[in-house]
Amino acid sequence: MTPMTGDIVRYRGKHGIHAVRAAIVTADIRTLDPLGVTSGNVPALDSPQHVHLWVFTPSEAGGFPEYNVPPGDGPGEWSPQPSARPLA
């Protein structure tokens, strides 16, 4: 899967119990603001598969940003949402 801005993905946390949370891609290699990167206001992406995310969390804050996130199933990585899942 090539990530695109607006895609909903799964993100596994880097800290604590490494909970899996829903996240939305806020920037990908095609939508990254080059002037923001040059000015230092936006982190660069290390590869076309890395993305910036807004991670949703069931807390008062509602979520948090994660930058330059690589693909995978491990802590601090994003993975595609399953396309279908069985109903309980």
C-alpha atoms as a PDB file:
ATOM      1  CA  MET A   1       0.000   0.000   0.000  1.00  0.00           C
ATOM      2  CA  THR A   2       1.279   3.426  -0.916  1.00  0.00           C
ATOM      3  CA  PRO A   3       0.039   5.824   1.762  1.00  0.00           C
ATOM      4  CA  MET A   4      -1.836   8.961   0.739  1.00  0.00           C
ATOM      5  CA  THR A   5      -2.909  12.008   2.702  1.00  0.00           C
ATOM      6  CA  GLY A   6      -6.344  11.302   4.163  1.00  0.00           C
ATOM      7  CA  ASP A   7      -5.888   7.531   4.414  1.00  0.00           C
ATOM      8  CA  ILE A   8      -6.872   5.932   7.692  1.00  0.00           C
ATOM      9  CA  VAL A   9      -4.206   3.542   8.926  1.00  0.00           C
ATOM     10  CA  ARG A  10      -3.333   1.653  12.104  1.00  0.00           C
ATOM     11  CA  TYR A  11      -0.530   2.965  14.302  1.00  0.00           C
ATOM     12  CA  ARG A  12       1.189   0.937  17.021  1.00  0.00           C
ATOM     13  CA  GLY A  13       2.371   3.132  19.898  1.00  0.00           C
ATOM     14  CA  LYS A  14       6.048   3.385  20.831  1.00  0.00           C
ATOM     15  CA  HIS A  15       5.525   3.567  24.587  1.00  0.00           C
ATOM     16  CA  GLY A  16       3.744   1.578  27.270  1.00  0.00           C
ATOM     17  CA  ILE A  17       1.624  -1.319  26.033  1.00  0.00           C
ATOM     18  CA  HIS A  18       2.179  -0.492  22.320  1.00  0.00           C
ATOM     19  CA  ALA A  19      -1.564  -0.083  21.780  1.00  0.00           C
ATOM     20  CA  VAL A  20      -2.889  -0.079  18.221  1.00  0.00           C
ATOM     21  CA  ARG A  21      -4.808   3.098  17.390  1.00  0.00           C
ATOM     22  CA  ALA A  22      -6.520   4.594  14.370  1.00  0.00           C
ATOM     23  CA  ALA A  23      -4.567   7.345  12.642  1.00  0.00           C
ATOM     24  CA  ILE A  24      -5.011   9.551   9.616  1.00  0.00           C
ATOM     25  CA  VAL A  25      -2.187  10.378   7.213  1.00  0.00           C
ATOM     26  CA  THR A  26      -1.611  14.139   7.383  1.00  0.00           C
ATOM     27  CA  ALA A  27       1.269  14.236   4.884  1.00  0.00           C
ATOM     28  CA  ASP A  28       2.870  11.849   2.430  1.00  0.00           C
ATOM     29  CA  ILE A  29       5.742  12.226  -0.032  1.00  0.00           C
ATOM     30  CA  ARG A  30       3.421  13.880  -2.603  1.00  0.00           C
ATOM     31  CA  THR A  31       1.752  16.360  -0.229  1.00  0.00           C
ATOM     32  CA  LEU A  32       4.656  17.269   2.047  1.00  0.00           C
ATOM     33  CA  ASP A  33       5.209  21.040   2.061  1.00  0.00           C
ATOM     34  CA  PRO A  34       8.763  21.571   0.734  1.00  0.00           C
ATOM     35  CA  LEU A  35       8.900  25.154   2.024  1.00  0.00           C
ATOM     36  CA  GLY A  36       7.879  23.934   5.480  1.00  0.00           C
ATOM     37  CA  VAL A  37      10.673  21.347   5.386  1.00  0.00           C
ATOM     38  CA  THR A  38      13.230  23.938   4.214  1.00  0.00           C
ATOM     39  CA  SER A  39      12.206  26.378   6.952  1.00  0.00           C
ATOM     40  CA  GLY A  40      12.363  23.639   9.608  1.00  0.00           C
ATOM     41  CA  ASN A  41       8.650  23.886  10.467  1.00  0.00           C
ATOM     42  CA  VAL A  42       7.767  20.466   9.003  1.00  0.00           C
ATOM     43  CA  PRO A  43       9.900  17.332   9.457  1.00  0.00           C
ATOM     44  CA  ALA A  44      11.171  15.658   6.287  1.00  0.00           C
ATOM     45  CA  LEU A  45      10.182  12.137   5.266  1.00  0.00           C
ATOM     46  CA  ASP A  46      12.936   9.514   4.959  1.00  0.00           C
ATOM     47  CA  SER A  47      11.228   7.529   2.168  1.00  0.00           C
ATOM     48  CA  PRO A  48       8.069   7.444   0.038  1.00  0.00           C
ATOM     49  CA  GLN A  49       6.576   4.931   2.511  1.00  0.00           C
ATOM     50  CA  HIS A  50       7.086   7.186   5.548  1.00  0.00           C
ATOM     51  CA  VAL A  51       4.195   9.458   6.572  1.00  0.00           C
ATOM     52  CA  HIS A  52       3.169  12.046   9.119  1.00  0.00           C
ATOM     53  CA  LEU A  53       0.131  11.011  11.183  1.00  0.00           C
ATOM     54  CA  TRP A  54      -2.511  12.321  13.522  1.00  0.00           C
ATOM     55  CA  VAL A  55      -3.072   9.439  15.953  1.00  0.00           C
ATOM     56  CA  PHE A  56      -6.491   9.263  17.600  1.00  0.00           C
ATOM     57  CA  THR A  57      -6.635   8.301  21.251  1.00  0.00           C
ATOM     58  CA  PRO A  58      -9.496   7.894  23.729  1.00  0.00           C
ATOM     59  CA  SER A  59      -8.347  10.688  26.011  1.00  0.00           C
ATOM     60  CA  GLU A  60      -9.272  14.315  26.636  1.00  0.00           C
ATOM     61  CA  ALA A  61      -6.546  15.406  24.210  1.00  0.00           C
ATOM     62  CA  GLY A  62      -8.147  13.344  21.450  1.00  0.00           C
ATOM     63  CA  GLY A  63      -4.880  12.534  19.745  1.00  0.00           C
ATOM     64  CA  PHE A  64      -1.304  13.476  18.997  1.00  0.00           C
ATOM     65  CA  PRO A  65       0.991  13.907  15.983  1.00  0.00           C
ATOM     66  CA  GLU A  66       3.666  11.440  14.926  1.00  0.00           C
ATOM     67  CA  TYR A  67       6.232  12.365  12.291  1.00  0.00           C
ATOM     68  CA  ASN A  68       8.201  10.401   9.699  1.00  0.00           C
ATOM     69  CA  VAL A  69       6.495   7.129  10.626  1.00  0.00           C
ATOM     70  CA  PRO A  70       7.726   4.014   8.766  1.00  0.00           C
ATOM     71  CA  PRO A  71       5.502   1.134   7.626  1.00  0.00           C
ATOM     72  CA  GLY A  72       5.355  -2.102   9.604  1.00  0.00           C
ATOM     73  CA  ASP A  73       3.594  -3.838  12.466  1.00  0.00           C
ATOM     74  CA  GLY A  74       6.035  -2.937  15.235  1.00  0.00           C
ATOM     75  CA  PRO A  75       6.028  -0.134  17.804  1.00  0.00           C
ATOM     76  CA  GLY A  76       6.107   3.311  16.188  1.00  0.00           C
ATOM     77  CA  GLU A  77       5.005   1.982  12.775  1.00  0.00           C
ATOM     78  CA  TRP A  78       1.894   2.280  10.611  1.00  0.00           C
ATOM     79  CA  SER A  79       0.068  -0.489   8.759  1.00  0.00           C
ATOM     80  CA  PRO A  80      -2.949  -0.525   6.436  1.00  0.00           C
ATOM     81  CA  GLN A  81      -6.400  -1.034   7.861  1.00  0.00           C
ATOM     82  CA  PRO A  82      -7.724  -4.530   7.117  1.00  0.00           C
ATOM     83  CA  SER A  83     -10.064  -4.292   4.147  1.00  0.00           C
ATOM     84  CA  ALA A  84     -12.605  -6.597   5.730  1.00  0.00           C
ATOM     85  CA  ARG A  85     -13.103  -8.207   9.083  1.00  0.00           C
ATOM     86  CA  PRO A  86     -15.595 -10.761  10.271  1.00  0.00           C
ATOM     87  CA  LEU A  87     -18.526  -9.550  12.309  1.00  0.00           C
ATOM     88  CA  ALA A  88     -18.337 -10.770  15.897  1.00  0.00           C
END
